[in-house]
Amino acid sequence: GRRYATLMPALRRIATDESNNWNKMIRSILDETAPECLEKFLA
């Protein structure tokens, strides 16, 4: 939070507001993407 202080308010808002468009996108990606594809994307 100290290193990315300018980003944290936006990240907190996205993570806690289920009506936020980025929250919706993240949850749909996590729900609908195959685990093999999710893990390779991250790595």
PDB file of all heavy atoms in Angstrom:
ATOM      1  N   GLY A   1       0.812  -1.208   0.000  1.00  0.00           N
ATOM      2  CA  GLY A   1       0.000   0.000   0.000  1.00  0.00           C
ATOM      3  C   GLY A   1       0.848   1.261   0.000  1.00  0.00           C
ATOM      4  O   GLY A   1       0.475   2.271  -0.577  1.00  0.00           O
ATOM      5  N   ARG A   2       2.003   1.230   0.661  1.00  0.00           N
ATOM      6  CA  ARG A   2       2.896   2.391   0.658  1.00  0.00           C
ATOM      7  C   ARG A   2       3.587   2.551  -0.688  1.00  0.00           C
ATOM      8  O   ARG A   2       3.746   3.661  -1.184  1.00  0.00           O
ATOM      9  CB  ARG A   2       3.946   2.242   1.759  1.00  0.00           C
ATOM     10  CG  ARG A   2       3.378   2.340   3.177  1.00  0.00           C
ATOM     11  CD  ARG A   2       4.483   2.434   4.211  1.00  0.00           C
ATOM     12  NE  ARG A   2       5.346   1.259   4.198  1.00  0.00           N
ATOM     13  CZ  ARG A   2       5.088   0.142   4.877  1.00  0.00           C
ATOM     14  NH1 ARG A   2       3.982   0.039   5.585  1.00  0.00           N
ATOM     15  NH2 ARG A   2       5.931  -0.887   4.828  1.00  0.00           N
ATOM     16  N   ARG A   3       3.971   1.414  -1.263  1.00  0.00           N
ATOM     17  CA  ARG A   3       4.674   1.475  -2.553  1.00  0.00           C
ATOM     18  C   ARG A   3       3.748   1.906  -3.688  1.00  0.00           C
ATOM     19  O   ARG A   3       4.154   2.630  -4.588  1.00  0.00           O
ATOM     20  CB  ARG A   3       5.276   0.102  -2.868  1.00  0.00           C
ATOM     21  CG  ARG A   3       6.125   0.084  -4.132  1.00  0.00           C
ATOM     22  CD  ARG A   3       6.797  -1.256  -4.317  1.00  0.00           C
ATOM     23  NE  ARG A   3       7.630  -1.274  -5.498  1.00  0.00           N
ATOM     24  CZ  ARG A   3       8.283  -2.343  -5.936  1.00  0.00           C
ATOM     25  NH1 ARG A   3       8.228  -3.472  -5.249  1.00  0.00           N
ATOM     26  NH2 ARG A   3       9.014  -2.290  -7.033  1.00  0.00           N
ATOM     27  N   TYR A   4       2.503   1.465  -3.641  1.00  0.00           N
ATOM     28  CA  TYR A   4       1.540   1.791  -4.699  1.00  0.00           C
ATOM     29  C   TYR A   4       0.397   2.629  -4.123  1.00  0.00           C
ATOM     30  O   TYR A   4      -0.772   2.363  -4.358  1.00  0.00           O
ATOM     31  CB  TYR A   4       1.003   0.503  -5.322  1.00  0.00           C
ATOM     32  CG  TYR A   4       2.084  -0.365  -5.927  1.00  0.00           C
ATOM     33  CD1 TYR A   4       2.521  -1.527  -5.287  1.00  0.00           C
ATOM     34  CD2 TYR A   4       2.676  -0.014  -7.133  1.00  0.00           C
ATOM     35  CE1 TYR A   4       3.520  -2.321  -5.835  1.00  0.00           C
ATOM     36  CE2 TYR A   4       3.669  -0.808  -7.697  1.00  0.00           C
ATOM     37  CZ  TYR A   4       4.085  -1.955  -7.039  1.00  0.00           C
ATOM     38  OH  TYR A   4       5.069  -2.734  -7.585  1.00  0.00           O
ATOM     39  N   ALA A   5       0.768   3.660  -3.368  1.00  0.00           N
ATOM     40  CA  ALA A   5      -0.218   4.457  -2.637  1.00  0.00           C
ATOM     41  C   ALA A   5      -1.270   5.068  -3.549  1.00  0.00           C
ATOM     42  O   ALA A   5      -2.448   5.138  -3.191  1.00  0.00           O
ATOM     43  CB  ALA A   5       0.503   5.555  -1.852  1.00  0.00           C
ATOM     44  N   THR A   6      -0.867   5.494  -4.741  1.00  0.00           N
ATOM     45  CA  THR A   6      -1.832   6.143  -5.629  1.00  0.00           C
ATOM     46  C   THR A   6      -2.829   5.158  -6.216  1.00  0.00           C
ATOM     47  O   THR A   6      -3.924   5.541  -6.636  1.00  0.00           O
ATOM     48  CB  THR A   6      -1.107   6.863  -6.780  1.00  0.00           C
ATOM     49  OG1 THR A   6      -0.303   5.917  -7.496  1.00  0.00           O
ATOM     50  CG2 THR A   6      -0.224   7.974  -6.246  1.00  0.00           C
ATOM     51  N   LEU A   7      -2.454   3.868  -6.268  1.00  0.00           N
ATOM     52  CA  LEU A   7      -3.339   2.855  -6.847  1.00  0.00           C
ATOM     53  C   LEU A   7      -4.298   2.237  -5.831  1.00  0.00           C
ATOM     54  O   LEU A   7      -5.372   1.753  -6.205  1.00  0.00           O
ATOM     55  CB  LEU A   7      -2.508   1.731  -7.473  1.00  0.00           C
ATOM     56  CG  LEU A   7      -1.746   2.045  -8.757  1.00  0.00           C
ATOM     57  CD1 LEU A   7      -0.925   0.834  -9.169  1.00  0.00           C
ATOM     58  CD2 LEU A   7      -2.693   2.439  -9.876  1.00  0.00           C
ATOM     59  N   MET A   8      -3.924   2.239  -4.572  1.00  0.00           N
ATOM     60  CA  MET A   8      -4.681   1.478  -3.581  1.00  0.00           C
ATOM     61  C   MET A   8      -6.131   1.918  -3.426  1.00  0.00           C
ATOM     62  O   MET A   8      -7.024   1.060  -3.310  1.00  0.00           O
ATOM     63  CB  MET A   8      -3.968   1.523  -2.222  1.00  0.00           C
ATOM     64  CG  MET A   8      -2.615   0.819  -2.208  1.00  0.00           C
ATOM     65  SD  MET A   8      -2.582  -0.824  -2.978  1.00  0.00           S
ATOM     66  CE  MET A   8      -3.607  -1.754  -1.846  1.00  0.00           C
ATOM     67  N   PRO A   9      -6.463   3.212  -3.425  1.00  0.00           N
ATOM     68  CA  PRO A   9      -7.882   3.579  -3.318  1.00  0.00           C
ATOM     69  C   PRO A   9      -8.725   2.999  -4.451  1.00  0.00           C
ATOM     70  O   PRO A   9      -9.838   2.508  -4.224  1.00  0.00           O
ATOM     71  CB  PRO A   9      -7.856   5.111  -3.365  1.00  0.00           C
ATOM     72  CG  PRO A   9      -6.499   5.474  -2.858  1.00  0.00           C
ATOM     73  CD  PRO A   9      -5.598   4.407  -3.380  1.00  0.00           C
ATOM     74  N   ALA A  10      -8.190   3.047  -5.681  1.00  0.00           N
ATOM     75  CA  ALA A  10      -8.921   2.491  -6.822  1.00  0.00           C
ATOM     76  C   ALA A  10      -9.057   0.975  -6.692  1.00  0.00           C
ATOM     77  O   ALA A  10     -10.126   0.407  -6.958  1.00  0.00           O
ATOM     78  CB  ALA A  10      -8.222   2.849  -8.125  1.00  0.00           C
ATOM     79  N   LEU A  11      -7.985   0.296  -6.271  1.00  0.00           N
ATOM     80  CA  LEU A  11      -8.041  -1.156  -6.101  1.00  0.00           C
ATOM     81  C   LEU A  11      -9.026  -1.550  -5.009  1.00  0.00           C
ATOM     82  O   LEU A  11      -9.773  -2.524  -5.149  1.00  0.00           O
ATOM     83  CB  LEU A  11      -6.649  -1.698  -5.769  1.00  0.00           C
ATOM     84  CG  LEU A  11      -5.607  -1.620  -6.890  1.00  0.00           C
ATOM     85  CD1 LEU A  11      -4.251  -2.090  -6.381  1.00  0.00           C
ATOM     86  CD2 LEU A  11      -6.038  -2.439  -8.086  1.00  0.00           C
ATOM     87  N   ARG A  12      -9.047  -0.768  -3.926  1.00  0.00           N
ATOM     88  CA  ARG A  12      -9.975  -1.054  -2.838  1.00  0.00           C
ATOM     89  C   ARG A  12     -11.426  -0.875  -3.307  1.00  0.00           C
ATOM     90  O   ARG A  12     -12.316  -1.669  -2.993  1.00  0.00           O
ATOM     91  CB  ARG A  12      -9.687  -0.137  -1.651  1.00  0.00           C
ATOM     92  CG  ARG A  12     -10.353  -0.568  -0.351  1.00  0.00           C
ATOM     93  CD  ARG A  12     -10.047   0.391   0.784  1.00  0.00           C
ATOM     94  NE  ARG A  12      -8.616   0.590   0.952  1.00  0.00           N
ATOM     95  CZ  ARG A  12      -7.982   1.746   0.682  1.00  0.00           C
ATOM     96  NH1 ARG A  12      -8.659   2.778   0.219  1.00  0.00           N
ATOM     97  NH2 ARG A  12      -6.686   1.853   0.871  1.00  0.00           N
ATOM     98  N   ARG A  13     -11.657   0.179  -4.095  1.00  0.00           N
ATOM     99  CA  ARG A  13     -13.005   0.435  -4.623  1.00  0.00           C
ATOM    100  C   ARG A  13     -13.444  -0.690  -5.564  1.00  0.00           C
ATOM    101  O   ARG A  13     -14.580  -1.165  -5.510  1.00  0.00           O
ATOM    102  CB  ARG A  13     -13.013   1.779  -5.344  1.00  0.00           C
ATOM    103  CG  ARG A  13     -14.379   2.241  -5.820  1.00  0.00           C
ATOM    104  CD  ARG A  13     -14.342   3.700  -6.240  1.00  0.00           C
ATOM    105  NE  ARG A  13     -13.370   3.969  -7.298  1.00  0.00           N
ATOM    106  CZ  ARG A  13     -12.232   4.634  -7.121  1.00  0.00           C
ATOM    107  NH1 ARG A  13     -11.894   5.066  -5.920  1.00  0.00           N
ATOM    108  NH2 ARG A  13     -11.421   4.845  -8.142  1.00  0.00           N
ATOM    109  N   ILE A  14     -12.544  -1.120  -6.423  1.00  0.00           N
ATOM    110  CA  ILE A  14     -12.864  -2.221  -7.352  1.00  0.00           C
ATOM    111  C   ILE A  14     -13.170  -3.499  -6.593  1.00  0.00           C
ATOM    112  O   ILE A  14     -14.131  -4.207  -6.880  1.00  0.00           O
ATOM    113  CB  ILE A  14     -11.687  -2.438  -8.334  1.00  0.00           C
ATOM    114  CG1 ILE A  14     -11.582  -1.253  -9.311  1.00  0.00           C
ATOM    115  CG2 ILE A  14     -11.864  -3.752  -9.098  1.00  0.00           C
ATOM    116  CD1 ILE A  14     -10.299  -1.266 -10.128  1.00  0.00           C
ATOM    117  N   ALA A  15     -12.353  -3.807  -5.590  1.00  0.00           N
ATOM    118  CA  ALA A  15     -12.487  -5.074  -4.864  1.00  0.00           C
ATOM    119  C   ALA A  15     -13.753  -5.143  -4.019  1.00  0.00           C
ATOM    120  O   ALA A  15     -14.332  -6.224  -3.840  1.00  0.00           O
ATOM    121  CB  ALA A  15     -11.263  -5.293  -3.974  1.00  0.00           C
ATOM    122  N   THR A  16     -14.210  -4.001  -3.516  1.00  0.00           N
ATOM    123  CA  THR A  16     -15.333  -4.022  -2.568  1.00  0.00           C
ATOM    124  C   THR A  16     -16.688  -3.696  -3.197  1.00  0.00           C
ATOM    125  O   THR A  16     -17.722  -3.964  -2.598  1.00  0.00           O
ATOM    126  CB  THR A  16     -15.074  -3.026  -1.424  1.00  0.00           C
ATOM    127  OG1 THR A  16     -14.855  -1.709  -1.975  1.00  0.00           O
ATOM    128  CG2 THR A  16     -13.847  -3.432  -0.622  1.00  0.00           C
ATOM    129  N   ASP A  17     -16.683  -3.111  -4.387  1.00  0.00           N
ATOM    130  CA  ASP A  17     -17.947  -2.697  -5.020  1.00  0.00           C
ATOM    131  C   ASP A  17     -18.320  -3.675  -6.129  1.00  0.00           C
ATOM    132  O   ASP A  17     -17.772  -3.627  -7.224  1.00  0.00           O
ATOM    133  CB  ASP A  17     -17.794  -1.285  -5.586  1.00  0.00           C
ATOM    134  CG  ASP A  17     -19.078  -0.775  -6.248  1.00  0.00           C
ATOM    135  OD1 ASP A  17     -20.109  -1.493  -6.184  1.00  0.00           O
ATOM    136  OD2 ASP A  17     -19.042   0.327  -6.828  1.00  0.00           O
ATOM    137  N   GLU A  18     -19.267  -4.551  -5.857  1.00  0.00           N
ATOM    138  CA  GLU A  18     -19.639  -5.576  -6.844  1.00  0.00           C
ATOM    139  C   GLU A  18     -20.366  -4.998  -8.053  1.00  0.00           C
ATOM    140  O   GLU A  18     -20.542  -5.692  -9.054  1.00  0.00           O
ATOM    141  CB  GLU A  18     -20.486  -6.660  -6.176  1.00  0.00           C
ATOM    142  CG  GLU A  18     -19.698  -7.477  -5.162  1.00  0.00           C
ATOM    143  CD  GLU A  18     -20.442  -8.712  -4.708  1.00  0.00           C
ATOM    144  OE1 GLU A  18     -21.577  -8.944  -5.180  1.00  0.00           O
ATOM    145  OE2 GLU A  18     -19.888  -9.462  -3.881  1.00  0.00           O
ATOM    146  N   SER A  19     -20.796  -3.741  -7.975  1.00  0.00           N
ATOM    147  CA  SER A  19     -21.434  -3.109  -9.138  1.00  0.00           C
ATOM    148  C   SER A  19     -20.402  -2.443 -10.045  1.00  0.00           C
ATOM    149  O   SER A  19     -20.729  -2.025 -11.163  1.00  0.00           O
ATOM    150  CB  SER A  19     -22.454  -2.066  -8.676  1.00  0.00           C
ATOM    151  OG  SER A  19     -21.810  -0.976  -8.030  1.00  0.00           O
ATOM    152  N   ASN A  20     -19.148  -2.345  -9.595  1.00  0.00           N
ATOM    153  CA  ASN A  20     -18.083  -1.735 -10.379  1.00  0.00           C
ATOM    154  C   ASN A  20     -17.792  -2.587 -11.615  1.00  0.00           C
ATOM    155  O   ASN A  20     -17.719  -3.820 -11.537  1.00  0.00           O
ATOM    156  CB  ASN A  20     -16.828  -1.609  -9.509  1.00  0.00           C
ATOM    157  CG  ASN A  20     -15.664  -0.986 -10.254  1.00  0.00           C
ATOM    158  OD1 ASN A  20     -14.963  -1.668 -10.998  1.00  0.00           O
ATOM    159  ND2 ASN A  20     -15.454   0.299 -10.042  1.00  0.00           N
ATOM    160  N   ASN A  21     -17.613  -1.957 -12.768  1.00  0.00           N
ATOM    161  CA  ASN A  21     -17.419  -2.717 -14.011  1.00  0.00           C
ATOM    162  C   ASN A  21     -16.158  -3.574 -13.973  1.00  0.00           C
ATOM    163  O   ASN A  21     -16.126  -4.698 -14.497  1.00  0.00           O
ATOM    164  CB  ASN A  21     -17.393  -1.790 -15.228  1.00  0.00           C
ATOM    165  CG  ASN A  21     -16.267  -0.781 -15.212  1.00  0.00           C
ATOM    166  OD1 ASN A  21     -16.126  -0.022 -14.262  1.00  0.00           O
ATOM    167  ND2 ASN A  21     -15.471  -0.743 -16.263  1.00  0.00           N
ATOM    168  N   TRP A  22     -15.069  -3.084 -13.318  1.00  0.00           N
ATOM    169  CA  TRP A  22     -13.836  -3.877 -13.238  1.00  0.00           C
ATOM    170  C   TRP A  22     -14.014  -5.058 -12.290  1.00  0.00           C
ATOM    171  O   TRP A  22     -13.469  -6.139 -12.517  1.00  0.00           O
ATOM    172  CB  TRP A  22     -12.674  -2.997 -12.788  1.00  0.00           C
ATOM    173  CG  TRP A  22     -12.335  -1.948 -13.792  1.00  0.00           C
ATOM    174  CD1 TRP A  22     -12.645  -0.624 -13.736  1.00  0.00           C
ATOM    175  CD2 TRP A  22     -11.657  -2.144 -15.041  1.00  0.00           C
ATOM    176  NE1 TRP A  22     -12.194   0.016 -14.867  1.00  0.00           N
ATOM    177  CE2 TRP A  22     -11.575  -0.885 -15.671  1.00  0.00           C
ATOM    178  CE3 TRP A  22     -11.100  -3.250 -15.674  1.00  0.00           C
ATOM    179  CZ2 TRP A  22     -10.963  -0.712 -16.920  1.00  0.00           C
ATOM    180  CZ3 TRP A  22     -10.491  -3.085 -16.909  1.00  0.00           C
ATOM    181  CH2 TRP A  22     -10.429  -1.837 -17.520  1.00  0.00           C
ATOM    182  N   ASN A  23     -14.790  -4.869 -11.216  1.00  0.00           N
ATOM    183  CA  ASN A  23     -15.100  -5.974 -10.311  1.00  0.00           C
ATOM    184  C   ASN A  23     -15.856  -7.064 -11.056  1.00  0.00           C
ATOM    185  O   ASN A  23     -15.546  -8.263 -10.930  1.00  0.00           O
ATOM    186  CB  ASN A  23     -15.920  -5.445  -9.132  1.00  0.00           C
ATOM    187  CG  ASN A  23     -16.212  -6.503  -8.076  1.00  0.00           C
ATOM    188  OD1 ASN A  23     -16.930  -7.464  -8.336  1.00  0.00           O
ATOM    189  ND2 ASN A  23     -15.683  -6.320  -6.878  1.00  0.00           N
ATOM    190  N   LYS A  24     -16.837  -6.642 -11.857  1.00  0.00           N
ATOM    191  CA  LYS A  24     -17.610  -7.609 -12.645  1.00  0.00           C
ATOM    192  C   LYS A  24     -16.717  -8.372 -13.612  1.00  0.00           C
ATOM    193  O   LYS A  24     -16.856  -9.590 -13.780  1.00  0.00           O
ATOM    194  CB  LYS A  24     -18.718  -6.893 -13.418  1.00  0.00           C
ATOM    195  CG  LYS A  24     -19.831  -6.319 -12.562  1.00  0.00           C
ATOM    196  CD  LYS A  24     -20.846  -5.598 -13.442  1.00  0.00           C
ATOM    197  CE  LYS A  24     -21.967  -4.988 -12.618  1.00  0.00           C
ATOM    198  NZ  LYS A  24     -22.922  -4.232 -13.484  1.00  0.00           N
ATOM    199  N   MET A  25     -15.800  -7.652 -14.254  1.00  0.00           N
ATOM    200  CA  MET A  25     -14.922  -8.300 -15.216  1.00  0.00           C
ATOM    201  C   MET A  25     -14.006  -9.315 -14.530  1.00  0.00           C
ATOM    202  O   MET A  25     -13.847 -10.452 -14.993  1.00  0.00           O
ATOM    203  CB  MET A  25     -14.081  -7.265 -15.961  1.00  0.00           C
ATOM    204  CG  MET A  25     -13.221  -7.874 -17.063  1.00  0.00           C
ATOM    205  SD  MET A  25     -12.183  -6.675 -17.924  1.00  0.00           S
ATOM    206  CE  MET A  25     -10.859  -6.462 -16.745  1.00  0.00           C
ATOM    207  N   ILE A  26     -13.415  -8.924 -13.401  1.00  0.00           N
ATOM    208  CA  ILE A  26     -12.507  -9.823 -12.685  1.00  0.00           C
ATOM    209  C   ILE A  26     -13.241 -11.076 -12.224  1.00  0.00           C
ATOM    210  O   ILE A  26     -12.746 -12.205 -12.380  1.00  0.00           O
ATOM    211  CB  ILE A  26     -11.867  -9.094 -11.489  1.00  0.00           C
ATOM    212  CG1 ILE A  26     -10.908  -8.011 -11.996  1.00  0.00           C
ATOM    213  CG2 ILE A  26     -11.126 -10.079 -10.589  1.00  0.00           C
ATOM    214  CD1 ILE A  26     -10.440  -7.056 -10.914  1.00  0.00           C
ATOM    215  N   ARG A  27     -14.431 -10.896 -11.650  1.00  0.00           N
ATOM    216  CA  ARG A  27     -15.178 -12.061 -11.165  1.00  0.00           C
ATOM    217  C   ARG A  27     -15.593 -12.982 -12.303  1.00  0.00           C
ATOM    218  O   ARG A  27     -15.557 -14.213 -12.166  1.00  0.00           O
ATOM    219  CB  ARG A  27     -16.393 -11.610 -10.355  1.00  0.00           C
ATOM    220  CG  ARG A  27     -16.020 -11.110  -8.956  1.00  0.00           C
ATOM    221  CD  ARG A  27     -17.230 -10.865  -8.067  1.00  0.00           C
ATOM    222  NE  ARG A  27     -17.958  -9.680  -8.465  1.00  0.00           N
ATOM    223  CZ  ARG A  27     -19.196  -9.675  -8.948  1.00  0.00           C
ATOM    224  NH1 ARG A  27     -19.853 -10.806  -9.081  1.00  0.00           N
ATOM    225  NH2 ARG A  27     -19.788  -8.539  -9.272  1.00  0.00           N
ATOM    226  N   SER A  28     -15.979 -12.419 -13.440  1.00  0.00           N
ATOM    227  CA  SER A  28     -16.361 -13.272 -14.568  1.00  0.00           C
ATOM    228  C   SER A  28     -15.157 -14.027 -15.119  1.00  0.00           C
ATOM    229  O   SER A  28     -15.264 -15.193 -15.510  1.00  0.00           O
ATOM    230  CB  SER A  28     -17.027 -12.442 -15.672  1.00  0.00           C
ATOM    231  OG  SER A  28     -16.110 -11.550 -16.273  1.00  0.00           O
ATOM    232  N   ILE A  29     -13.996 -13.378 -15.128  1.00  0.00           N
ATOM    233  CA  ILE A  29     -12.772 -14.060 -15.583  1.00  0.00           C
ATOM    234  C   ILE A  29     -12.448 -15.225 -14.650  1.00  0.00           C
ATOM    235  O   ILE A  29     -12.154 -16.341 -15.098  1.00  0.00           O
ATOM    236  CB  ILE A  29     -11.597 -13.067 -15.647  1.00  0.00           C
ATOM    237  CG1 ILE A  29     -11.793 -12.102 -16.816  1.00  0.00           C
ATOM    238  CG2 ILE A  29     -10.267 -13.809 -15.789  1.00  0.00           C
ATOM    239  CD1 ILE A  29     -10.781 -10.969 -16.848  1.00  0.00           C
ATOM    240  N   LEU A  30     -12.511 -14.977 -13.348  1.00  0.00           N
ATOM    241  CA  LEU A  30     -12.190 -16.025 -12.382  1.00  0.00           C
ATOM    242  C   LEU A  30     -13.204 -17.165 -12.433  1.00  0.00           C
ATOM    243  O   LEU A  30     -12.845 -18.344 -12.261  1.00  0.00           O
ATOM    244  CB  LEU A  30     -12.139 -15.441 -10.969  1.00  0.00           C
ATOM    245  CG  LEU A  30     -11.046 -14.400 -10.708  1.00  0.00           C
ATOM    246  CD1 LEU A  30     -11.152 -13.861  -9.290  1.00  0.00           C
ATOM    247  CD2 LEU A  30      -9.662 -14.971 -10.966  1.00  0.00           C
ATOM    248  N   ASP A  31     -14.457 -16.845 -12.684  1.00  0.00           N
ATOM    249  CA  ASP A  31     -15.515 -17.859 -12.706  1.00  0.00           C
ATOM    250  C   ASP A  31     -15.523 -18.695 -13.989  1.00  0.00           C
ATOM    251  O   ASP A  31     -15.834 -19.884 -13.958  1.00  0.00           O
ATOM    252  CB  ASP A  31     -16.897 -17.205 -12.548  1.00  0.00           C
ATOM    253  CG  ASP A  31     -17.135 -16.659 -11.153  1.00  0.00           C
ATOM    254  OD1 ASP A  31     -16.418 -17.083 -10.232  1.00  0.00           O
ATOM    255  OD2 ASP A  31     -18.026 -15.804 -10.993  1.00  0.00           O
ATOM    256  N   GLU A  32     -15.190 -18.071 -15.117  1.00  0.00           N
ATOM    257  CA  GLU A  32     -15.445 -18.694 -16.417  1.00  0.00           C
ATOM    258  C   GLU A  32     -14.198 -19.163 -17.157  1.00  0.00           C
ATOM    259  O   GLU A  32     -14.312 -19.891 -18.148  1.00  0.00           O
ATOM    260  CB  GLU A  32     -16.220 -17.713 -17.313  1.00  0.00           C
ATOM    261  CG  GLU A  32     -17.577 -17.318 -16.742  1.00  0.00           C
ATOM    262  CD  GLU A  32     -18.232 -16.189 -17.516  1.00  0.00           C
ATOM    263  OE1 GLU A  32     -17.767 -15.899 -18.648  1.00  0.00           O
ATOM    264  OE2 GLU A  32     -19.216 -15.605 -17.015  1.00  0.00           O
ATOM    265  N   THR A  33     -13.022 -18.781 -16.699  1.00  0.00           N
ATOM    266  CA  THR A  33     -11.794 -19.161 -17.410  1.00  0.00           C
ATOM    267  C   THR A  33     -11.251 -20.475 -16.862  1.00  0.00           C
ATOM    268  O   THR A  33     -11.221 -20.693 -15.649  1.00  0.00           O
ATOM    269  CB  THR A  33     -10.733 -18.060 -17.269  1.00  0.00           C
ATOM    270  OG1 THR A  33     -11.288 -16.816 -17.692  1.00  0.00           O
ATOM    271  CG2 THR A  33      -9.513 -18.375 -18.121  1.00  0.00           C
ATOM    272  N   ALA A  34     -10.817 -21.341 -17.763  1.00  0.00           N
ATOM    273  CA  ALA A  34     -10.249 -22.624 -17.362  1.00  0.00           C
ATOM    274  C   ALA A  34      -9.028 -22.403 -16.465  1.00  0.00           C
ATOM    275  O   ALA A  34      -8.215 -21.498 -16.723  1.00  0.00           O
ATOM    276  CB  ALA A  34      -9.842 -23.423 -18.593  1.00  0.00           C
ATOM    277  N   PRO A  35      -8.866 -23.210 -15.405  1.00  0.00           N
ATOM    278  CA  PRO A  35      -7.714 -23.042 -14.499  1.00  0.00           C
ATOM    279  C   PRO A  35      -6.372 -23.075 -15.214  1.00  0.00           C
ATOM    280  O   PRO A  35      -5.460 -22.324 -14.862  1.00  0.00           O
ATOM    281  CB  PRO A  35      -7.860 -24.226 -13.536  1.00  0.00           C
ATOM    282  CG  PRO A  35      -9.309 -24.580 -13.570  1.00  0.00           C
ATOM    283  CD  PRO A  35      -9.763 -24.297 -14.969  1.00  0.00           C
ATOM    284  N   GLU A  36      -6.252 -23.946 -16.233  1.00  0.00           N
ATOM    285  CA  GLU A  36      -4.988 -24.040 -16.969  1.00  0.00           C
ATOM    286  C   GLU A  36      -4.636 -22.684 -17.604  1.00  0.00           C
ATOM    287  O   GLU A  36      -3.478 -22.267 -17.621  1.00  0.00           O
ATOM    288  CB  GLU A  36      -5.086 -25.095 -18.081  1.00  0.00           C
ATOM    289  CG  GLU A  36      -5.409 -26.494 -17.587  1.00  0.00           C
ATOM    290  CD  GLU A  36      -6.902 -26.803 -17.634  1.00  0.00           C
ATOM    291  OE1 GLU A  36      -7.717 -25.898 -17.313  1.00  0.00           O
ATOM    292  OE2 GLU A  36      -7.253 -27.937 -17.992  1.00  0.00           O
ATOM    293  N   CYS A  37      -5.654 -22.006 -18.141  1.00  0.00           N
ATOM    294  CA  CYS A  37      -5.443 -20.729 -18.818  1.00  0.00           C
ATOM    295  C   CYS A  37      -5.191 -19.603 -17.820  1.00  0.00           C
ATOM    296  O   CYS A  37      -4.340 -18.736 -18.052  1.00  0.00           O
ATOM    297  CB  CYS A  37      -6.643 -20.396 -19.698  1.00  0.00           C
ATOM    298  SG  CYS A  37      -6.943 -21.610 -21.012  1.00  0.00           S
ATOM    299  N   LEU A  38      -5.911 -19.619 -16.708  1.00  0.00           N
ATOM    300  CA  LEU A  38      -5.710 -18.597 -15.677  1.00  0.00           C
ATOM    301  C   LEU A  38      -4.296 -18.646 -15.114  1.00  0.00           C
ATOM    302  O   LEU A  38      -3.625 -17.614 -14.964  1.00  0.00           O
ATOM    303  CB  LEU A  38      -6.712 -18.803 -14.531  1.00  0.00           C
ATOM    304  CG  LEU A  38      -8.036 -18.052 -14.572  1.00  0.00           C
ATOM    305  CD1 LEU A  38      -8.863 -18.413 -13.342  1.00  0.00           C
ATOM    306  CD2 LEU A  38      -7.820 -16.544 -14.643  1.00  0.00           C
ATOM    307  N   GLU A  39      -3.842 -19.841 -14.796  1.00  0.00           N
ATOM    308  CA  GLU A  39      -2.532 -19.975 -14.163  1.00  0.00           C
ATOM    309  C   GLU A  39      -1.397 -19.635 -15.127  1.00  0.00           C
ATOM    310  O   GLU A  39      -0.410 -19.017 -14.739  1.00  0.00           O
ATOM    311  CB  GLU A  39      -2.387 -21.384 -13.580  1.00  0.00           C
ATOM    312  CG  GLU A  39      -3.364 -21.617 -12.428  1.00  0.00           C
ATOM    313  CD  GLU A  39      -3.156 -22.935 -11.693  1.00  0.00           C
ATOM    314  OE1 GLU A  39      -2.182 -23.653 -12.014  1.00  0.00           O
ATOM    315  OE2 GLU A  39      -3.956 -23.236 -10.787  1.00  0.00           O
ATOM    316  N   LYS A  40      -1.559 -20.009 -16.398  1.00  0.00           N
ATOM    317  CA  LYS A  40      -0.527 -19.661 -17.380  1.00  0.00           C
ATOM    318  C   LYS A  40      -0.513 -18.157 -17.640  1.00  0.00           C
ATOM    319  O   LYS A  40       0.558 -17.557 -17.843  1.00  0.00           O
ATOM    320  CB  LYS A  40      -0.762 -20.426 -18.689  1.00  0.00           C
ATOM    321  CG  LYS A  40      -0.255 -21.852 -18.665  1.00  0.00           C
ATOM    322  CD  LYS A  40       1.271 -21.886 -18.581  1.00  0.00           C
ATOM    323  CE  LYS A  40       1.834 -23.305 -18.592  1.00  0.00           C
ATOM    324  NZ  LYS A  40       1.580 -24.005 -19.837  1.00  0.00           N
ATOM    325  N   PHE A  41      -1.680 -17.531 -17.636  1.00  0.00           N
ATOM    326  CA  PHE A  41      -1.736 -16.081 -17.823  1.00  0.00           C
ATOM    327  C   PHE A  41      -0.986 -15.381 -16.698  1.00  0.00           C
ATOM    328  O   PHE A  41      -0.192 -14.468 -16.928  1.00  0.00           O
ATOM    329  CB  PHE A  41      -3.193 -15.608 -17.858  1.00  0.00           C
ATOM    330  CG  PHE A  41      -3.339 -14.108 -17.967  1.00  0.00           C
ATOM    331  CD1 PHE A  41      -3.175 -13.470 -19.180  1.00  0.00           C
ATOM    332  CD2 PHE A  41      -3.617 -13.346 -16.841  1.00  0.00           C
ATOM    333  CE1 PHE A  41      -3.278 -12.081 -19.280  1.00  0.00           C
ATOM    334  CE2 PHE A  41      -3.726 -11.966 -16.926  1.00  0.00           C
ATOM    335  CZ  PHE A  41      -3.566 -11.332 -18.157  1.00  0.00           C
ATOM    336  N   LEU A  42      -1.221 -15.824 -15.483  1.00  0.00           N
ATOM    337  CA  LEU A  42      -0.548 -15.210 -14.331  1.00  0.00           C
ATOM    338  C   LEU A  42       0.962 -15.421 -14.406  1.00  0.00           C
ATOM    339  O   LEU A  42       1.748 -14.477 -14.224  1.00  0.00           O
ATOM    340  CB  LEU A  42      -1.099 -15.792 -13.033  1.00  0.00           C
ATOM    341  CG  LEU A  42      -0.450 -15.283 -11.742  1.00  0.00           C
ATOM    342  CD1 LEU A  42      -0.662 -13.782 -11.587  1.00  0.00           C
ATOM    343  CD2 LEU A  42      -1.014 -16.033 -10.541  1.00  0.00           C
ATOM    344  N   ALA A  43       1.378 -16.655 -14.670  1.00  0.00           N
ATOM    345  CA  ALA A  43       2.810 -16.973 -14.640  1.00  0.00           C
ATOM    346  C   ALA A  43       3.561 -16.398 -15.836  1.00  0.00           C
ATOM    347  O   ALA A  43       4.614 -15.768 -15.681  1.00  0.00           O
ATOM    348  CB  ALA A  43       2.997 -18.484 -14.572  1.00  0.00           C
TER     349      ALA A  43
END
